Amino acid sequence: MAKPIKITPTLKGKDAVRFLKQIEENKSAPKDEAKLEEIRKDAYILNSILRKG
């Protein structure tokens, strides 16, 4: 039998500010095109496996 999942706590104060700042920094961070292409290939393979089943 599965265990119940706990509710995710709401971020408040400095934690919330830090979290939002990290999101903005990640949006503008340079992206590794080779890594993105690898992820796309893997997603395509997984998708094709799921369609067969």
PDB file of N, CA and C in Angstrom:
ATOM      1  N   MET A   1       0.845  -1.176   0.000  1.00  0.00           N
ATOM      2  CA  MET A   1       0.000   0.000   0.000  1.00  0.00           C
ATOM      3  C   MET A   1       0.896   1.247   0.000  1.00  0.00           C
ATOM      4  N   ALA A   2       0.498   2.242  -0.759  1.00  0.00           N
ATOM      5  CA  ALA A   2       1.291   3.464  -0.880  1.00  0.00           C
ATOM      6  C   ALA A   2       1.148   4.342   0.360  1.00  0.00           C
ATOM      7  N   LYS A   3       2.204   5.078   0.643  1.00  0.00           N
ATOM      8  CA  LYS A   3       2.177   6.022   1.755  1.00  0.00           C
ATOM      9  C   LYS A   3       1.582   7.337   1.269  1.00  0.00           C
ATOM     10  N   PRO A   4       0.857   8.041   2.109  1.00  0.00           N
ATOM     11  CA  PRO A   4       0.297   9.330   1.683  1.00  0.00           C
ATOM     12  C   PRO A   4       1.405  10.357   1.454  1.00  0.00           C
ATOM     13  N   ILE A   5       1.177  11.225   0.502  1.00  0.00           N
ATOM     14  CA  ILE A   5       2.137  12.278   0.174  1.00  0.00           C
ATOM     15  C   ILE A   5       1.839  13.492   1.047  1.00  0.00           C
ATOM     16  N   LYS A   6       2.890  14.029   1.667  1.00  0.00           N
ATOM     17  CA  LYS A   6       2.715  15.204   2.529  1.00  0.00           C
ATOM     18  C   LYS A   6       2.485  16.450   1.670  1.00  0.00           C
ATOM     19  N   ILE A   7       1.771  17.397   2.211  1.00  0.00           N
ATOM     20  CA  ILE A   7       1.505  18.660   1.539  1.00  0.00           C
ATOM     21  C   ILE A   7       2.804  19.468   1.459  1.00  0.00           C
ATOM     22  N   THR A   8       3.070  20.058   0.284  1.00  0.00           N
ATOM     23  CA  THR A   8       4.256  20.884   0.107  1.00  0.00           C
ATOM     24  C   THR A   8       4.064  22.197   0.858  1.00  0.00           C
ATOM     25  N   PRO A   9       5.020  22.575   1.705  1.00  0.00           N
ATOM     26  CA  PRO A   9       4.855  23.817   2.461  1.00  0.00           C
ATOM     27  C   PRO A   9       4.961  25.048   1.557  1.00  0.00           C
ATOM     28  N   THR A  10       4.288  26.117   1.939  1.00  0.00           N
ATOM     29  CA  THR A  10       4.335  27.376   1.215  1.00  0.00           C
ATOM     30  C   THR A  10       5.586  28.145   1.630  1.00  0.00           C
ATOM     31  N   LEU A  11       6.310  28.659   0.617  1.00  0.00           N
ATOM     32  CA  LEU A  11       7.503  29.460   0.922  1.00  0.00           C
ATOM     33  C   LEU A  11       7.076  30.867   1.326  1.00  0.00           C
ATOM     34  N   LYS A  12       7.722  31.383   2.360  1.00  0.00           N
ATOM     35  CA  LYS A  12       7.408  32.722   2.852  1.00  0.00           C
ATOM     36  C   LYS A  12       8.698  33.465   3.146  1.00  0.00           C
ATOM     37  N   GLY A  13       8.617  34.783   3.116  1.00  0.00           N
ATOM     38  CA  GLY A  13       9.739  35.633   3.515  1.00  0.00           C
ATOM     39  C   GLY A  13      10.964  35.486   2.639  1.00  0.00           C
ATOM     40  N   LYS A  14      12.123  35.358   3.280  1.00  0.00           N
ATOM     41  CA  LYS A  14      13.403  35.298   2.570  1.00  0.00           C
ATOM     42  C   LYS A  14      13.491  34.072   1.656  1.00  0.00           C
ATOM     43  N   ASP A  15      12.894  32.957   2.086  1.00  0.00           N
ATOM     44  CA  ASP A  15      12.915  31.747   1.257  1.00  0.00           C
ATOM     45  C   ASP A  15      12.191  31.977  -0.065  1.00  0.00           C
ATOM     46  N   ALA A  16      11.058  32.649  -0.013  1.00  0.00           N
ATOM     47  CA  ALA A  16      10.289  32.928  -1.229  1.00  0.00           C
ATOM     48  C   ALA A  16      11.059  33.868  -2.157  1.00  0.00           C
ATOM     49  N   VAL A  17      11.671  34.890  -1.591  1.00  0.00           N
ATOM     50  CA  VAL A  17      12.444  35.851  -2.386  1.00  0.00           C
ATOM     51  C   VAL A  17      13.624  35.147  -3.056  1.00  0.00           C
ATOM     52  N   ARG A  18      14.332  34.313  -2.303  1.00  0.00           N
ATOM     53  CA  ARG A  18      15.480  33.582  -2.839  1.00  0.00           C
ATOM     54  C   ARG A  18      15.048  32.626  -3.961  1.00  0.00           C
ATOM     55  N   PHE A  19      13.912  31.957  -3.769  1.00  0.00           N
ATOM     56  CA  PHE A  19      13.404  31.028  -4.769  1.00  0.00           C
ATOM     57  C   PHE A  19      13.076  31.759  -6.077  1.00  0.00           C
ATOM     58  N   LEU A  20      12.389  32.879  -5.989  1.00  0.00           N
ATOM     59  CA  LEU A  20      12.035  33.655  -7.180  1.00  0.00           C
ATOM     60  C   LEU A  20      13.277  34.201  -7.880  1.00  0.00           C
ATOM     61  N   LYS A  21      14.276  34.603  -7.093  1.00  0.00           N
ATOM     62  CA  LYS A  21      15.533  35.104  -7.666  1.00  0.00           C
ATOM     63  C   LYS A  21      16.235  33.987  -8.442  1.00  0.00           C
ATOM     64  N   GLN A  22      16.254  32.776  -7.883  1.00  0.00           N
ATOM     65  CA  GLN A  22      16.880  31.645  -8.571  1.00  0.00           C
ATOM     66  C   GLN A  22      16.158  31.311  -9.869  1.00  0.00           C
ATOM     67  N   ILE A  23      14.848  31.422  -9.881  1.00  0.00           N
ATOM     68  CA  ILE A  23      14.087  31.171 -11.111  1.00  0.00           C
ATOM     69  C   ILE A  23      14.508  32.154 -12.197  1.00  0.00           C
ATOM     70  N   GLU A  24      14.593  33.426 -11.852  1.00  0.00           N
ATOM     71  CA  GLU A  24      14.987  34.443 -12.828  1.00  0.00           C
ATOM     72  C   GLU A  24      16.410  34.211 -13.336  1.00  0.00           C
ATOM     73  N   GLU A  25      17.319  33.835 -12.443  1.00  0.00           N
ATOM     74  CA  GLU A  25      18.702  33.581 -12.847  1.00  0.00           C
ATOM     75  C   GLU A  25      18.777  32.394 -13.796  1.00  0.00           C
ATOM     76  N   ASN A  26      17.984  31.364 -13.539  1.00  0.00           N
ATOM     77  CA  ASN A  26      17.994  30.182 -14.401  1.00  0.00           C
ATOM     78  C   ASN A  26      17.403  30.459 -15.776  1.00  0.00           C
ATOM     79  N   LYS A  27      16.455  31.378 -15.850  1.00  0.00           N
ATOM     80  CA  LYS A  27      15.859  31.720 -17.147  1.00  0.00           C
ATOM     81  C   LYS A  27      16.899  32.353 -18.071  1.00  0.00           C
ATOM     82  N   SER A  28      17.783  33.155 -17.500  1.00  0.00           N
ATOM     83  CA  SER A  28      18.758  33.867 -18.316  1.00  0.00           C
ATOM     84  C   SER A  28      20.093  33.134 -18.433  1.00  0.00           C
ATOM     85  N   ALA A  29      20.225  31.992 -17.779  1.00  0.00           N
ATOM     86  CA  ALA A  29      21.473  31.232 -17.827  1.00  0.00           C
ATOM     87  C   ALA A  29      21.676  30.634 -19.215  1.00  0.00           C
ATOM     88  N   PRO A  30      22.927  30.546 -19.668  1.00  0.00           N
ATOM     89  CA  PRO A  30      23.180  29.940 -20.980  1.00  0.00           C
ATOM     90  C   PRO A  30      22.765  28.469 -20.979  1.00  0.00           C
ATOM     91  N   LYS A  31      22.220  28.038 -22.101  1.00  0.00           N
ATOM     92  CA  LYS A  31      21.741  26.672 -22.203  1.00  0.00           C
ATOM     93  C   LYS A  31      22.707  25.829 -23.011  1.00  0.00           C
ATOM     94  N   ASP A  32      22.931  24.632 -22.565  1.00  0.00           N
ATOM     95  CA  ASP A  32      23.820  23.692 -23.237  1.00  0.00           C
ATOM     96  C   ASP A  32      23.025  22.991 -24.338  1.00  0.00           C
ATOM     97  N   GLU A  33      23.229  23.413 -25.568  1.00  0.00           N
ATOM     98  CA  GLU A  33      22.455  22.879 -26.693  1.00  0.00           C
ATOM     99  C   GLU A  33      22.668  21.378 -26.869  1.00  0.00           C
ATOM    100  N   ALA A  34      23.868  20.881 -26.611  1.00  0.00           N
ATOM    101  CA  ALA A  34      24.136  19.448 -26.743  1.00  0.00           C
ATOM    102  C   ALA A  34      23.309  18.662 -25.731  1.00  0.00           C
ATOM    103  N   LYS A  35      23.218  19.163 -24.514  1.00  0.00           N
ATOM    104  CA  LYS A  35      22.441  18.493 -23.468  1.00  0.00           C
ATOM    105  C   LYS A  35      20.954  18.530 -23.814  1.00  0.00           C
ATOM    106  N   LEU A  36      20.485  19.664 -24.331  1.00  0.00           N
ATOM    107  CA  LEU A  36      19.079  19.768 -24.728  1.00  0.00           C
ATOM    108  C   LEU A  36      18.749  18.784 -25.843  1.00  0.00           C
ATOM    109  N   GLU A  37      19.644  18.639 -26.798  1.00  0.00           N
ATOM    110  CA  GLU A  37      19.420  17.703 -27.894  1.00  0.00           C
ATOM    111  C   GLU A  37      19.384  16.264 -27.373  1.00  0.00           C
ATOM    112  N   GLU A  38      20.248  15.935 -26.424  1.00  0.00           N
ATOM    113  CA  GLU A  38      20.262  14.604 -25.826  1.00  0.00           C
ATOM    114  C   GLU A  38      18.932  14.320 -25.113  1.00  0.00           C
ATOM    115  N   ILE A  39      18.424  15.312 -24.404  1.00  0.00           N
ATOM    116  CA  ILE A  39      17.151  15.163 -23.704  1.00  0.00           C
ATOM    117  C   ILE A  39      16.016  14.965 -24.704  1.00  0.00           C
ATOM    118  N   ARG A  40      16.043  15.720 -25.798  1.00  0.00           N
ATOM    119  CA  ARG A  40      15.004  15.573 -26.827  1.00  0.00           C
ATOM    120  C   ARG A  40      15.022  14.189 -27.456  1.00  0.00           C
ATOM    121  N   LYS A  41      16.216  13.658 -27.714  1.00  0.00           N
ATOM    122  CA  LYS A  41      16.336  12.313 -28.284  1.00  0.00           C
ATOM    123  C   LYS A  41      15.774  11.271 -27.321  1.00  0.00           C
ATOM    124  N   ASP A  42      16.139  11.388 -26.047  1.00  0.00           N
ATOM    125  CA  ASP A  42      15.645  10.446 -25.044  1.00  0.00           C
ATOM    126  C   ASP A  42      14.116  10.528 -24.925  1.00  0.00           C
ATOM    127  N   ALA A  43      13.581  11.735 -24.964  1.00  0.00           N
ATOM    128  CA  ALA A  43      12.133  11.905 -24.875  1.00  0.00           C
ATOM    129  C   ALA A  43      11.451  11.270 -26.084  1.00  0.00           C
ATOM    130  N   TYR A  44      12.042  11.418 -27.260  1.00  0.00           N
ATOM    131  CA  TYR A  44      11.476  10.815 -28.465  1.00  0.00           C
ATOM    132  C   TYR A  44      11.455   9.290 -28.344  1.00  0.00           C
ATOM    133  N   ILE A  45      12.548   8.715 -27.838  1.00  0.00           N
ATOM    134  CA  ILE A  45      12.621   7.256 -27.668  1.00  0.00           C
ATOM    135  C   ILE A  45      11.561   6.792 -26.682  1.00  0.00           C
ATOM    136  N   LEU A  46      11.443   7.467 -25.540  1.00  0.00           N
ATOM    137  CA  LEU A  46      10.440   7.088 -24.549  1.00  0.00           C
ATOM    138  C   LEU A  46       9.029   7.208 -25.117  1.00  0.00           C
ATOM    139  N   ASN A  47       8.803   8.267 -25.859  1.00  0.00           N
ATOM    140  CA  ASN A  47       7.495   8.479 -26.463  1.00  0.00           C
ATOM    141  C   ASN A  47       7.164   7.368 -27.448  1.00  0.00           C
ATOM    142  N   SER A  48       8.123   6.946 -28.232  1.00  0.00           N
ATOM    143  CA  SER A  48       7.869   5.887 -29.210  1.00  0.00           C
ATOM    144  C   SER A  48       7.616   4.544 -28.511  1.00  0.00           C
ATOM    145  N   ILE A  49       8.268   4.310 -27.381  1.00  0.00           N
ATOM    146  CA  ILE A  49       8.040   3.088 -26.617  1.00  0.00           C
ATOM    147  C   ILE A  49       6.615   3.085 -26.057  1.00  0.00           C
ATOM    148  N   LEU A  50       6.186   4.231 -25.544  1.00  0.00           N
ATOM    149  CA  LEU A  50       4.840   4.316 -24.969  1.00  0.00           C
ATOM    150  C   LEU A  50       3.753   4.145 -26.032  1.00  0.00           C
ATOM    151  N   ARG A  51       3.991   4.650 -27.238  1.00  0.00           N
ATOM    152  CA  ARG A  51       2.995   4.523 -28.298  1.00  0.00           C
ATOM    153  C   ARG A  51       2.834   3.074 -28.744  1.00  0.00           C
ATOM    154  N   LYS A  52       3.909   2.275 -28.646  1.00  0.00           N
ATOM    155  CA  LYS A  52       3.852   0.880 -29.081  1.00  0.00           C
ATOM    156  C   LYS A  52       2.991   0.056 -28.141  1.00  0.00           C
ATOM    157  N   GLY A  53       2.995   0.402 -26.870  1.00  0.00           N
ATOM    158  CA  GLY A  53       2.334  -0.403 -25.837  1.00  0.00           C
ATOM    159  C   GLY A  53       0.887  -0.243 -25.731  1.00  0.00           C
TER     160      GLY A  53
END
